[in-house]
Amino acid sequence: MGTGLQSKHQAASRQIKNITYLSIVINVILAAGKFIVGLLSGSLAVVADAVHSVSDIITDAAVILGVHFGSKKPDSQHPYGHGRIETFSSIFVALALLAVGVGMVFYAAIRITGNKVLQPGIAMYVVTIASLVLKEWLYQMTKRVALKTHSSATYANAWHHRSDALSSVAVLIGIIAMQFGFHFGDQVAAIAVGIMIISVAADVVGKSISELAESAVDENTVRQIKQIISADDQIRQYHHLRTRTVGREVFLDLHILVDPALSISAAHEISEKLENTLHSRLTRPVNIVVHIEPDLPELRK
């Protein structure tokens, strides 16, 4: 990994760690508050929301570990780096989400069959609204970092925050419903939250599996790569363009056709120029392999 590529990777890692450490602090405060209020009030939805916040703390730790080990430099046994660790980290986050969602639906259903009813108090409103505001803000901040750094694990964690915010919305609706006489509003809210969380988990797992299956990078990035290549008038044609993602990095290889009369040094300069342009124009770290070919009829595609 070149110096410029390494510094870009390290800067992205710092951003991810900073927002995730902030997330841990907020989640510890919210989990404690929700557990106290949920246990004192007897609200299953609030307790489930507290468990969700605890799962957030666990997945925050998974993201930090994934980024730490995934950012290690390539070595003799891992010549393409350790980026796949971040992908596995995102799968772990998604599985944690899935477990929380299934558990919420299960225990809410048991609570309904048990015909247990509770009366909401002001503390339930306070902790739920505070959770909603803080977790939605945390979602927006984490998502911004995830998109900027192209981190699938951080993106999954952002959605973990969003699912917590959505769960707070559902809990709030359930509390209001109970105020108006719908005694099972708390349990129905917990079921609704659980279903939403399961849906998010399935989406994250699908995207992570796609990455492990060596899928190409997103269409916008591919389009940008093609535009950069086509803008160089010394490159007469290109083919065999292939991309894949390893963690936050893009691995790219292609064949370019240049003037057959050029010297090896001149052809190499064209290749070097293309690599430098791709490094500077793409927002995520990129590893490039360029195969140079003479522009001859039998080599054109």
C-alpha atoms as a PDB file:
ATOM      1  CA  MET A   1       0.000   0.000   0.000  1.00  0.00           C
ATOM      2  CA  GLY A   2       1.543   3.312  -1.079  1.00  0.00           C
ATOM      3  CA  THR A   3       2.143   6.219   1.298  1.00  0.00           C
ATOM      4  CA  GLY A   4      -0.741   8.283  -0.071  1.00  0.00           C
ATOM      5  CA  LEU A   5      -3.101   5.325  -0.021  1.00  0.00           C
ATOM      6  CA  GLN A   6      -2.042   4.421   3.525  1.00  0.00           C
ATOM      7  CA  SER A   7      -2.589   7.966   4.813  1.00  0.00           C
ATOM      8  CA  LYS A   8      -6.044   8.086   3.202  1.00  0.00           C
ATOM      9  CA  HIS A   9      -6.871   4.760   4.831  1.00  0.00           C
ATOM     10  CA  GLN A  10      -5.628   5.915   8.253  1.00  0.00           C
ATOM     11  CA  ALA A  11      -7.588   9.176   8.065  1.00  0.00           C
ATOM     12  CA  ALA A  12     -10.768   7.238   7.287  1.00  0.00           C
ATOM     13  CA  SER A  13     -10.087   4.839  10.166  1.00  0.00           C
ATOM     14  CA  ARG A  14      -9.725   7.762  12.593  1.00  0.00           C
ATOM     15  CA  GLN A  15     -13.085   9.187  11.514  1.00  0.00           C
ATOM     16  CA  ILE A  16     -14.775   5.813  11.974  1.00  0.00           C
ATOM     17  CA  LYS A  17     -13.248   5.267  15.417  1.00  0.00           C
ATOM     18  CA  ASN A  18     -14.119   8.781  16.630  1.00  0.00           C
ATOM     19  CA  ILE A  19     -17.815   8.512  15.741  1.00  0.00           C
ATOM     20  CA  THR A  20     -17.967   4.974  17.140  1.00  0.00           C
ATOM     21  CA  TYR A  21     -16.405   5.979  20.476  1.00  0.00           C
ATOM     22  CA  LEU A  22     -18.986   8.763  20.731  1.00  0.00           C
ATOM     23  CA  SER A  23     -21.669   6.174  19.989  1.00  0.00           C
ATOM     24  CA  ILE A  24     -20.466   3.968  22.868  1.00  0.00           C
ATOM     25  CA  VAL A  25     -20.756   6.836  25.358  1.00  0.00           C
ATOM     26  CA  ILE A  26     -24.290   7.719  24.229  1.00  0.00           C
ATOM     27  CA  ASN A  27     -25.404   4.077  24.177  1.00  0.00           C
ATOM     28  CA  VAL A  28     -24.154   3.422  27.723  1.00  0.00           C
ATOM     29  CA  ILE A  29     -26.152   6.404  29.017  1.00  0.00           C
ATOM     30  CA  LEU A  30     -29.287   5.426  27.074  1.00  0.00           C
ATOM     31  CA  ALA A  31     -29.123   1.743  28.015  1.00  0.00           C
ATOM     32  CA  ALA A  32     -28.855   2.559  31.717  1.00  0.00           C
ATOM     33  CA  GLY A  33     -31.744   5.024  31.575  1.00  0.00           C
ATOM     34  CA  LYS A  34     -34.002   2.671  29.601  1.00  0.00           C
ATOM     35  CA  PHE A  35     -33.338  -0.300  31.877  1.00  0.00           C
ATOM     36  CA  ILE A  36     -34.156   1.708  35.003  1.00  0.00           C
ATOM     37  CA  VAL A  37     -37.362   3.178  33.566  1.00  0.00           C
ATOM     38  CA  GLY A  38     -38.415  -0.064  31.877  1.00  0.00           C
ATOM     39  CA  LEU A  39     -37.977  -2.200  34.999  1.00  0.00           C
ATOM     40  CA  LEU A  40     -39.665   0.330  37.292  1.00  0.00           C
ATOM     41  CA  SER A  41     -42.616   0.816  34.927  1.00  0.00           C
ATOM     42  CA  GLY A  42     -42.884  -2.812  33.798  1.00  0.00           C
ATOM     43  CA  SER A  43     -42.758  -1.785  30.122  1.00  0.00           C
ATOM     44  CA  LEU A  44     -41.596  -4.598  27.842  1.00  0.00           C
ATOM     45  CA  ALA A  45     -41.072  -2.188  24.944  1.00  0.00           C
ATOM     46  CA  VAL A  46     -38.789   0.090  26.995  1.00  0.00           C
ATOM     47  CA  VAL A  47     -36.803  -2.878  28.350  1.00  0.00           C
ATOM     48  CA  ALA A  48     -36.507  -4.250  24.797  1.00  0.00           C
ATOM     49  CA  ASP A  49     -35.304  -0.827  23.710  1.00  0.00           C
ATOM     50  CA  ALA A  50     -32.689  -0.968  26.484  1.00  0.00           C
ATOM     51  CA  VAL A  51     -31.494  -4.372  25.259  1.00  0.00           C
ATOM     52  CA  HIS A  52     -31.266  -2.866  21.795  1.00  0.00           C
ATOM     53  CA  SER A  53     -29.000  -0.126  23.171  1.00  0.00           C
ATOM     54  CA  VAL A  54     -26.811  -2.767  24.844  1.00  0.00           C
ATOM     55  CA  SER A  55     -26.542  -4.566  21.510  1.00  0.00           C
ATOM     56  CA  ASP A  56     -25.479  -1.218  20.040  1.00  0.00           C
ATOM     57  CA  ILE A  57     -22.567  -1.114  22.494  1.00  0.00           C
ATOM     58  CA  ILE A  58     -21.506  -4.628  21.463  1.00  0.00           C
ATOM     59  CA  THR A  59     -21.677  -3.801  17.766  1.00  0.00           C
ATOM     60  CA  ASP A  60     -19.796  -0.525  18.355  1.00  0.00           C
ATOM     61  CA  ALA A  61     -16.997  -2.610  19.842  1.00  0.00           C
ATOM     62  CA  ALA A  62     -17.156  -4.973  16.852  1.00  0.00           C
ATOM     63  CA  VAL A  63     -16.797  -2.045  14.446  1.00  0.00           C
ATOM     64  CA  ILE A  64     -13.774  -0.666  16.304  1.00  0.00           C
ATOM     65  CA  LEU A  65     -12.096  -4.095  16.339  1.00  0.00           C
ATOM     66  CA  GLY A  66     -12.948  -4.623  12.676  1.00  0.00           C
ATOM     67  CA  VAL A  67     -11.465  -1.264  11.686  1.00  0.00           C
ATOM     68  CA  HIS A  68      -8.380  -1.816  13.865  1.00  0.00           C
ATOM     69  CA  PHE A  69      -7.508  -5.213  12.402  1.00  0.00           C
ATOM     70  CA  GLY A  70      -8.859  -4.447   8.930  1.00  0.00           C
ATOM     71  CA  SER A  71      -6.565  -1.419   8.653  1.00  0.00           C
ATOM     72  CA  LYS A  72      -3.385  -3.416   9.210  1.00  0.00           C
ATOM     73  CA  LYS A  73      -0.855  -3.252   6.400  1.00  0.00           C
ATOM     74  CA  PRO A  74      -0.629  -6.134   3.917  1.00  0.00           C
ATOM     75  CA  ASP A  75       1.824  -8.867   4.863  1.00  0.00           C
ATOM     76  CA  SER A  76       3.258 -12.016   3.289  1.00  0.00           C
ATOM     77  CA  GLN A  77       0.200 -14.078   4.237  1.00  0.00           C
ATOM     78  CA  HIS A  78      -2.319 -11.333   3.445  1.00  0.00           C
ATOM     79  CA  PRO A  79      -0.910  -9.554   0.367  1.00  0.00           C
ATOM     80  CA  TYR A  80      -4.281  -7.915  -0.362  1.00  0.00           C
ATOM     81  CA  GLY A  81      -4.575  -6.530   3.150  1.00  0.00           C
ATOM     82  CA  HIS A  82      -7.012  -7.358   5.945  1.00  0.00           C
ATOM     83  CA  GLY A  83     -10.091  -5.486   4.684  1.00  0.00           C
ATOM     84  CA  ARG A  84     -12.297  -8.572   4.784  1.00  0.00           C
ATOM     85  CA  ILE A  85     -12.211  -8.332   8.586  1.00  0.00           C
ATOM     86  CA  GLU A  86     -14.365  -5.205   8.304  1.00  0.00           C
ATOM     87  CA  THR A  87     -16.838  -7.116   6.136  1.00  0.00           C
ATOM     88  CA  PHE A  88     -17.107  -9.852   8.769  1.00  0.00           C
ATOM     89  CA  SER A  89     -17.562  -7.097  11.345  1.00  0.00           C
ATOM     90  CA  SER A  90     -20.581  -5.774   9.428  1.00  0.00           C
ATOM     91  CA  ILE A  91     -22.044  -9.302   9.303  1.00  0.00           C
ATOM     92  CA  PHE A  92     -21.606  -9.566  13.075  1.00  0.00           C
ATOM     93  CA  VAL A  93     -23.463  -6.267  13.510  1.00  0.00           C
ATOM     94  CA  ALA A  94     -26.283  -7.524  11.283  1.00  0.00           C
ATOM     95  CA  LEU A  95     -26.578 -10.832  13.152  1.00  0.00           C
ATOM     96  CA  ALA A  96     -26.767  -8.925  16.436  1.00  0.00           C
ATOM     97  CA  LEU A  97     -29.562  -6.848  14.930  1.00  0.00           C
ATOM     98  CA  LEU A  98     -31.347 -10.005  13.798  1.00  0.00           C
ATOM     99  CA  ALA A  99     -31.146 -11.569  17.265  1.00  0.00           C
ATOM    100  CA  VAL A 100     -32.536  -8.412  18.878  1.00  0.00           C
ATOM    101  CA  GLY A 101     -35.408  -8.220  16.384  1.00  0.00           C
ATOM    102  CA  VAL A 102     -36.443 -11.858  16.769  1.00  0.00           C
ATOM    103  CA  GLY A 103     -36.203 -11.634  20.555  1.00  0.00           C
ATOM    104  CA  MET A 104     -38.398  -8.538  20.685  1.00  0.00           C
ATOM    105  CA  VAL A 105     -41.118 -10.149  18.576  1.00  0.00           C
ATOM    106  CA  PHE A 106     -41.004 -13.373  20.614  1.00  0.00           C
ATOM    107  CA  TYR A 107     -41.238 -11.794  24.058  1.00  0.00           C
ATOM    108  CA  ALA A 108     -43.881  -9.287  22.975  1.00  0.00           C
ATOM    109  CA  ALA A 109     -46.057 -12.154  21.704  1.00  0.00           C
ATOM    110  CA  ILE A 110     -45.659 -13.952  25.037  1.00  0.00           C
ATOM    111  CA  ARG A 111     -46.603 -10.741  26.864  1.00  0.00           C
ATOM    112  CA  ILE A 112     -49.789 -10.407  24.791  1.00  0.00           C
ATOM    113  CA  THR A 113     -50.863 -14.013  25.451  1.00  0.00           C
ATOM    114  CA  GLY A 114     -50.235 -13.390  29.144  1.00  0.00           C
ATOM    115  CA  ASN A 115     -52.758 -10.532  28.985  1.00  0.00           C
ATOM    116  CA  LYS A 116     -50.495  -8.241  30.988  1.00  0.00           C
ATOM    117  CA  VAL A 117     -51.405  -4.558  31.000  1.00  0.00           C
ATOM    118  CA  LEU A 118     -49.464  -1.565  32.336  1.00  0.00           C
ATOM    119  CA  GLN A 119     -50.036   2.130  32.804  1.00  0.00           C
ATOM    120  CA  PRO A 120     -47.455   4.468  31.219  1.00  0.00           C
ATOM    121  CA  GLY A 121     -45.747   7.177  33.257  1.00  0.00           C
ATOM    122  CA  ILE A 122     -43.957  10.435  32.463  1.00  0.00           C
ATOM    123  CA  ALA A 123     -40.522   8.773  32.803  1.00  0.00           C
ATOM    124  CA  MET A 124     -41.355   6.485  29.869  1.00  0.00           C
ATOM    125  CA  TYR A 125     -42.036   9.530  27.699  1.00  0.00           C
ATOM    126  CA  VAL A 126     -38.808  11.278  28.739  1.00  0.00           C
ATOM    127  CA  VAL A 127     -36.442   8.349  28.149  1.00  0.00           C
ATOM    128  CA  THR A 128     -38.117   7.382  24.877  1.00  0.00           C
ATOM    129  CA  ILE A 129     -38.034  10.884  23.390  1.00  0.00           C
ATOM    130  CA  ALA A 130     -34.406  11.364  24.521  1.00  0.00           C
ATOM    131  CA  SER A 131     -33.475   8.079  22.837  1.00  0.00           C
ATOM    132  CA  LEU A 132     -35.280   9.055  19.639  1.00  0.00           C
ATOM    133  CA  VAL A 133     -33.484  12.403  19.334  1.00  0.00           C
ATOM    134  CA  LEU A 134     -30.010  11.144  20.251  1.00  0.00           C
ATOM    135  CA  LYS A 135     -30.100   7.989  18.134  1.00  0.00           C
ATOM    136  CA  GLU A 136     -31.444   9.746  15.043  1.00  0.00           C
ATOM    137  CA  TRP A 137     -28.654  12.343  15.369  1.00  0.00           C
ATOM    138  CA  LEU A 138     -26.118   9.545  15.831  1.00  0.00           C
ATOM    139  CA  TYR A 139     -27.508   7.754  12.765  1.00  0.00           C
ATOM    140  CA  GLN A 140     -27.072  10.853  10.598  1.00  0.00           C
ATOM    141  CA  MET A 141     -23.501  11.435  11.816  1.00  0.00           C
ATOM    142  CA  THR A 142     -22.456   7.784  11.471  1.00  0.00           C
ATOM    143  CA  LYS A 143     -24.038   7.424   8.039  1.00  0.00           C
ATOM    144  CA  ARG A 144     -22.161  10.515   6.854  1.00  0.00           C
ATOM    145  CA  VAL A 145     -18.856   8.971   7.970  1.00  0.00           C
ATOM    146  CA  ALA A 146     -19.789   5.588   6.459  1.00  0.00           C
ATOM    147  CA  LEU A 147     -20.539   7.087   3.042  1.00  0.00           C
ATOM    148  CA  LYS A 148     -17.398   9.218   3.115  1.00  0.00           C
ATOM    149  CA  THR A 149     -15.140   6.300   4.084  1.00  0.00           C
ATOM    150  CA  HIS A 150     -17.078   3.578   2.192  1.00  0.00           C
ATOM    151  CA  SER A 151     -17.116   1.410   5.314  1.00  0.00           C
ATOM    152  CA  SER A 152     -19.771  -1.328   5.183  1.00  0.00           C
ATOM    153  CA  ALA A 153     -19.345  -2.041   8.912  1.00  0.00           C
ATOM    154  CA  THR A 154     -19.907   1.627   9.803  1.00  0.00           C
ATOM    155  CA  TYR A 155     -22.896   1.787   7.459  1.00  0.00           C
ATOM    156  CA  ALA A 156     -24.391  -1.273   9.180  1.00  0.00           C
ATOM    157  CA  ASN A 157     -23.758   0.372  12.532  1.00  0.00           C
ATOM    158  CA  ALA A 158     -25.465   3.555  11.344  1.00  0.00           C
ATOM    159  CA  TRP A 159     -28.552   1.508  10.573  1.00  0.00           C
ATOM    160  CA  HIS A 160     -28.272  -0.031  14.023  1.00  0.00           C
ATOM    161  CA  HIS A 161     -28.631   3.503  15.374  1.00  0.00           C
ATOM    162  CA  ARG A 162     -31.543   4.201  13.017  1.00  0.00           C
ATOM    163  CA  SER A 163     -33.290   0.993  14.103  1.00  0.00           C
ATOM    164  CA  ASP A 164     -32.922   2.150  17.717  1.00  0.00           C
ATOM    165  CA  ALA A 165     -34.454   5.502  16.786  1.00  0.00           C
ATOM    166  CA  LEU A 166     -37.301   3.711  14.986  1.00  0.00           C
ATOM    167  CA  SER A 167     -37.822   1.480  18.000  1.00  0.00           C
ATOM    168  CA  SER A 168     -38.167   4.606  20.133  1.00  0.00           C
ATOM    169  CA  VAL A 169     -40.793   5.928  17.708  1.00  0.00           C
ATOM    170  CA  ALA A 170     -42.721   2.655  17.965  1.00  0.00           C
ATOM    171  CA  VAL A 171     -42.428   2.661  21.767  1.00  0.00           C
ATOM    172  CA  LEU A 172     -43.683   6.249  21.876  1.00  0.00           C
ATOM    173  CA  ILE A 173     -46.674   5.334  19.712  1.00  0.00           C
ATOM    174  CA  GLY A 174     -47.362   2.368  21.998  1.00  0.00           C
ATOM    175  CA  ILE A 175     -47.255   4.575  25.103  1.00  0.00           C
ATOM    176  CA  ILE A 176     -49.673   7.072  23.541  1.00  0.00           C
ATOM    177  CA  ALA A 177     -51.952   4.206  22.461  1.00  0.00           C
ATOM    178  CA  MET A 178     -52.080   2.942  26.048  1.00  0.00           C
ATOM    179  CA  GLN A 179     -53.065   6.428  27.210  1.00  0.00           C
ATOM    180  CA  PHE A 180     -56.092   6.185  24.933  1.00  0.00           C
ATOM    181  CA  GLY A 181     -57.144   2.763  26.170  1.00  0.00           C
ATOM    182  CA  PHE A 182     -55.332   0.380  23.802  1.00  0.00           C
ATOM    183  CA  HIS A 183     -53.789  -1.772  26.524  1.00  0.00           C
ATOM    184  CA  PHE A 184     -51.548  -3.811  24.255  1.00  0.00           C
ATOM    185  CA  GLY A 185     -49.945  -0.778  22.617  1.00  0.00           C
ATOM    186  CA  ASP A 186     -46.641  -1.531  24.380  1.00  0.00           C
ATOM    187  CA  GLN A 187     -46.458  -5.094  23.034  1.00  0.00           C
ATOM    188  CA  VAL A 188     -47.616  -4.207  19.531  1.00  0.00           C
ATOM    189  CA  ALA A 189     -44.982  -1.470  19.430  1.00  0.00           C
ATOM    190  CA  ALA A 190     -42.295  -3.995  20.433  1.00  0.00           C
ATOM    191  CA  ILE A 191     -43.407  -6.368  17.635  1.00  0.00           C
ATOM    192  CA  ALA A 192     -43.350  -3.549  15.067  1.00  0.00           C
ATOM    193  CA  VAL A 193     -39.848  -2.571  16.167  1.00  0.00           C
ATOM    194  CA  GLY A 194     -38.672  -6.186  15.992  1.00  0.00           C
ATOM    195  CA  ILE A 195     -39.915  -6.584  12.419  1.00  0.00           C
ATOM    196  CA  MET A 196     -38.180  -3.372  11.337  1.00  0.00           C
ATOM    197  CA  ILE A 197     -34.905  -4.508  12.904  1.00  0.00           C
ATOM    198  CA  ILE A 198     -35.092  -7.925  11.218  1.00  0.00           C
ATOM    199  CA  SER A 199     -35.603  -6.204   7.850  1.00  0.00           C
ATOM    200  CA  VAL A 200     -32.537  -3.992   8.316  1.00  0.00           C
ATOM    201  CA  ALA A 201     -30.423  -6.985   9.418  1.00  0.00           C
ATOM    202  CA  ALA A 202     -31.397  -8.983   6.333  1.00  0.00           C
ATOM    203  CA  ASP A 203     -30.425  -6.072   4.059  1.00  0.00           C
ATOM    204  CA  VAL A 204     -26.999  -5.656   5.696  1.00  0.00           C
ATOM    205  CA  VAL A 205     -26.265  -9.397   5.559  1.00  0.00           C
ATOM    206  CA  GLY A 206     -27.199  -9.472   1.865  1.00  0.00           C
ATOM    207  CA  LYS A 207     -24.825  -6.632   1.028  1.00  0.00           C
ATOM    208  CA  SER A 208     -21.994  -8.163   3.059  1.00  0.00           C
ATOM    209  CA  ILE A 209     -22.397 -11.552   1.377  1.00  0.00           C
ATOM    210  CA  SER A 210     -22.345  -9.801  -1.997  1.00  0.00           C
ATOM    211  CA  GLU A 211     -19.019  -8.207  -1.047  1.00  0.00           C
ATOM    212  CA  LEU A 212     -17.581 -11.556   0.063  1.00  0.00           C
ATOM    213  CA  ALA A 213     -18.706 -13.007  -3.281  1.00  0.00           C
ATOM    214  CA  GLU A 214     -16.345 -10.565  -5.065  1.00  0.00           C
ATOM    215  CA  SER A 215     -19.066  -8.307  -6.454  1.00  0.00           C
ATOM    216  CA  ALA A 216     -18.053  -5.202  -8.407  1.00  0.00           C
ATOM    217  CA  VAL A 217     -18.038  -1.767  -6.778  1.00  0.00           C
ATOM    218  CA  ASP A 218     -21.111   0.426  -7.038  1.00  0.00           C
ATOM    219  CA  GLU A 219     -22.209   1.747 -10.439  1.00  0.00           C
ATOM    220  CA  ASN A 220     -21.334   5.376  -9.649  1.00  0.00           C
ATOM    221  CA  THR A 221     -17.723   4.453  -8.833  1.00  0.00           C
ATOM    222  CA  VAL A 222     -17.425   2.317 -11.987  1.00  0.00           C
ATOM    223  CA  ARG A 223     -18.840   5.186 -14.047  1.00  0.00           C
ATOM    224  CA  GLN A 224     -16.315   7.591 -12.508  1.00  0.00           C
ATOM    225  CA  ILE A 225     -13.440   5.175 -13.262  1.00  0.00           C
ATOM    226  CA  LYS A 226     -14.513   4.896 -16.898  1.00  0.00           C
ATOM    227  CA  GLN A 227     -14.742   8.671 -17.241  1.00  0.00           C
ATOM    228  CA  ILE A 228     -11.208   9.100 -15.868  1.00  0.00           C
ATOM    229  CA  ILE A 229      -9.810   6.499 -18.280  1.00  0.00           C
ATOM    230  CA  SER A 230     -11.672   7.915 -21.299  1.00  0.00           C
ATOM    231  CA  ALA A 231     -10.461  11.449 -20.538  1.00  0.00           C
ATOM    232  CA  ASP A 232      -6.835  10.462 -21.220  1.00  0.00           C
ATOM    233  CA  ASP A 233      -6.298  10.903 -24.983  1.00  0.00           C
ATOM    234  CA  GLN A 234      -3.092   8.838 -24.850  1.00  0.00           C
ATOM    235  CA  ILE A 235      -5.171   5.776 -23.990  1.00  0.00           C
ATOM    236  CA  ARG A 236      -6.662   4.713 -27.311  1.00  0.00           C
ATOM    237  CA  GLN A 237      -8.840   1.966 -25.883  1.00  0.00           C
ATOM    238  CA  TYR A 238      -9.266  -0.107 -22.751  1.00  0.00           C
ATOM    239  CA  HIS A 239     -10.865  -3.422 -21.854  1.00  0.00           C
ATOM    240  CA  HIS A 240     -10.927  -6.156 -19.182  1.00  0.00           C
ATOM    241  CA  LEU A 241     -11.872  -3.555 -16.569  1.00  0.00           C
ATOM    242  CA  ARG A 242     -12.576  -5.429 -13.350  1.00  0.00           C
ATOM    243  CA  THR A 243     -13.313  -4.143  -9.860  1.00  0.00           C
ATOM    244  CA  ARG A 244     -13.965  -5.660  -6.466  1.00  0.00           C
ATOM    245  CA  THR A 245     -14.161  -4.429  -2.904  1.00  0.00           C
ATOM    246  CA  VAL A 246     -12.042  -5.572   0.020  1.00  0.00           C
ATOM    247  CA  GLY A 247     -13.287  -3.770   3.107  1.00  0.00           C
ATOM    248  CA  ARG A 248     -13.103  -0.065   2.272  1.00  0.00           C
ATOM    249  CA  GLU A 249     -10.607  -0.516  -0.576  1.00  0.00           C
ATOM    250  CA  VAL A 250     -11.288  -0.882  -4.289  1.00  0.00           C
ATOM    251  CA  PHE A 251      -9.145  -3.353  -6.198  1.00  0.00           C
ATOM    252  CA  LEU A 252      -9.069  -2.519  -9.898  1.00  0.00           C
ATOM    253  CA  ASP A 253      -7.305  -4.004 -12.903  1.00  0.00           C
ATOM    254  CA  LEU A 254      -7.603  -3.255 -16.618  1.00  0.00           C
ATOM    255  CA  HIS A 255      -5.837  -3.422 -19.985  1.00  0.00           C
ATOM    256  CA  ILE A 256      -5.053  -0.193 -21.853  1.00  0.00           C
ATOM    257  CA  LEU A 257      -4.018   0.134 -25.519  1.00  0.00           C
ATOM    258  CA  VAL A 258      -1.424   2.781 -26.396  1.00  0.00           C
ATOM    259  CA  ASP A 259       0.548   3.861 -29.457  1.00  0.00           C
ATOM    260  CA  PRO A 260       2.712   0.851 -30.538  1.00  0.00           C
ATOM    261  CA  ALA A 261       5.570   3.204 -31.431  1.00  0.00           C
ATOM    262  CA  LEU A 262       5.987   4.408 -27.845  1.00  0.00           C
ATOM    263  CA  SER A 263       8.992   3.318 -25.817  1.00  0.00           C
ATOM    264  CA  ILE A 264       8.484   1.179 -22.726  1.00  0.00           C
ATOM    265  CA  SER A 265       9.286   4.201 -20.559  1.00  0.00           C
ATOM    266  CA  ALA A 266       6.693   6.388 -22.321  1.00  0.00           C
ATOM    267  CA  ALA A 267       4.017   3.691 -22.042  1.00  0.00           C
ATOM    268  CA  HIS A 268       4.843   3.270 -18.362  1.00  0.00           C
ATOM    269  CA  GLU A 269       4.402   7.020 -17.815  1.00  0.00           C
ATOM    270  CA  ILE A 270       0.871   6.789 -19.249  1.00  0.00           C
ATOM    271  CA  SER A 271       0.097   3.947 -16.864  1.00  0.00           C
ATOM    272  CA  GLU A 272       1.598   5.853 -13.931  1.00  0.00           C
ATOM    273  CA  LYS A 273      -0.377   8.977 -14.811  1.00  0.00           C
ATOM    274  CA  LEU A 274      -3.616   6.981 -14.926  1.00  0.00           C
ATOM    275  CA  GLU A 275      -2.922   5.415 -11.533  1.00  0.00           C
ATOM    276  CA  ASN A 276      -2.171   8.790  -9.944  1.00  0.00           C
ATOM    277  CA  THR A 277      -5.335  10.318 -11.399  1.00  0.00           C
ATOM    278  CA  LEU A 278      -7.473   7.461 -10.078  1.00  0.00           C
ATOM    279  CA  HIS A 279      -5.884   7.794  -6.633  1.00  0.00           C
ATOM    280  CA  SER A 280      -6.548  11.526  -6.501  1.00  0.00           C
ATOM    281  CA  ARG A 281     -10.054  11.533  -8.001  1.00  0.00           C
ATOM    282  CA  LEU A 282     -11.628   8.553  -6.227  1.00  0.00           C
ATOM    283  CA  THR A 283     -12.802   9.185  -2.677  1.00  0.00           C
ATOM    284  CA  ARG A 284     -11.862   5.722  -1.399  1.00  0.00           C
ATOM    285  CA  PRO A 285      -8.513   3.888  -1.323  1.00  0.00           C
ATOM    286  CA  VAL A 286      -7.840   2.074  -4.597  1.00  0.00           C
ATOM    287  CA  ASN A 287      -5.300  -0.584  -5.580  1.00  0.00           C
ATOM    288  CA  ILE A 288      -4.631  -0.559  -9.343  1.00  0.00           C
ATOM    289  CA  VAL A 289      -3.004  -2.985 -11.752  1.00  0.00           C
ATOM    290  CA  VAL A 290      -2.643  -1.718 -15.345  1.00  0.00           C
ATOM    291  CA  HIS A 291      -1.656  -4.046 -18.196  1.00  0.00           C
ATOM    292  CA  ILE A 292      -0.237  -2.117 -21.178  1.00  0.00           C
ATOM    293  CA  GLU A 293      -0.820  -3.387 -24.733  1.00  0.00           C
ATOM    294  CA  PRO A 294       0.112  -1.962 -28.177  1.00  0.00           C
ATOM    295  CA  ASP A 295      -2.839  -0.609 -30.131  1.00  0.00           C
ATOM    296  CA  LEU A 296      -2.903  -3.302 -32.822  1.00  0.00           C
ATOM    297  CA  PRO A 297      -6.030  -4.575 -34.654  1.00  0.00           C
ATOM    298  CA  GLU A 298      -5.768  -8.073 -33.196  1.00  0.00           C
ATOM    299  CA  LEU A 299      -5.685  -6.684 -29.649  1.00  0.00           C
ATOM    300  CA  ARG A 300      -8.610  -4.307 -29.972  1.00  0.00           C
ATOM    301  CA  LYS A 301     -11.886  -5.470 -28.422  1.00  0.00           C
END
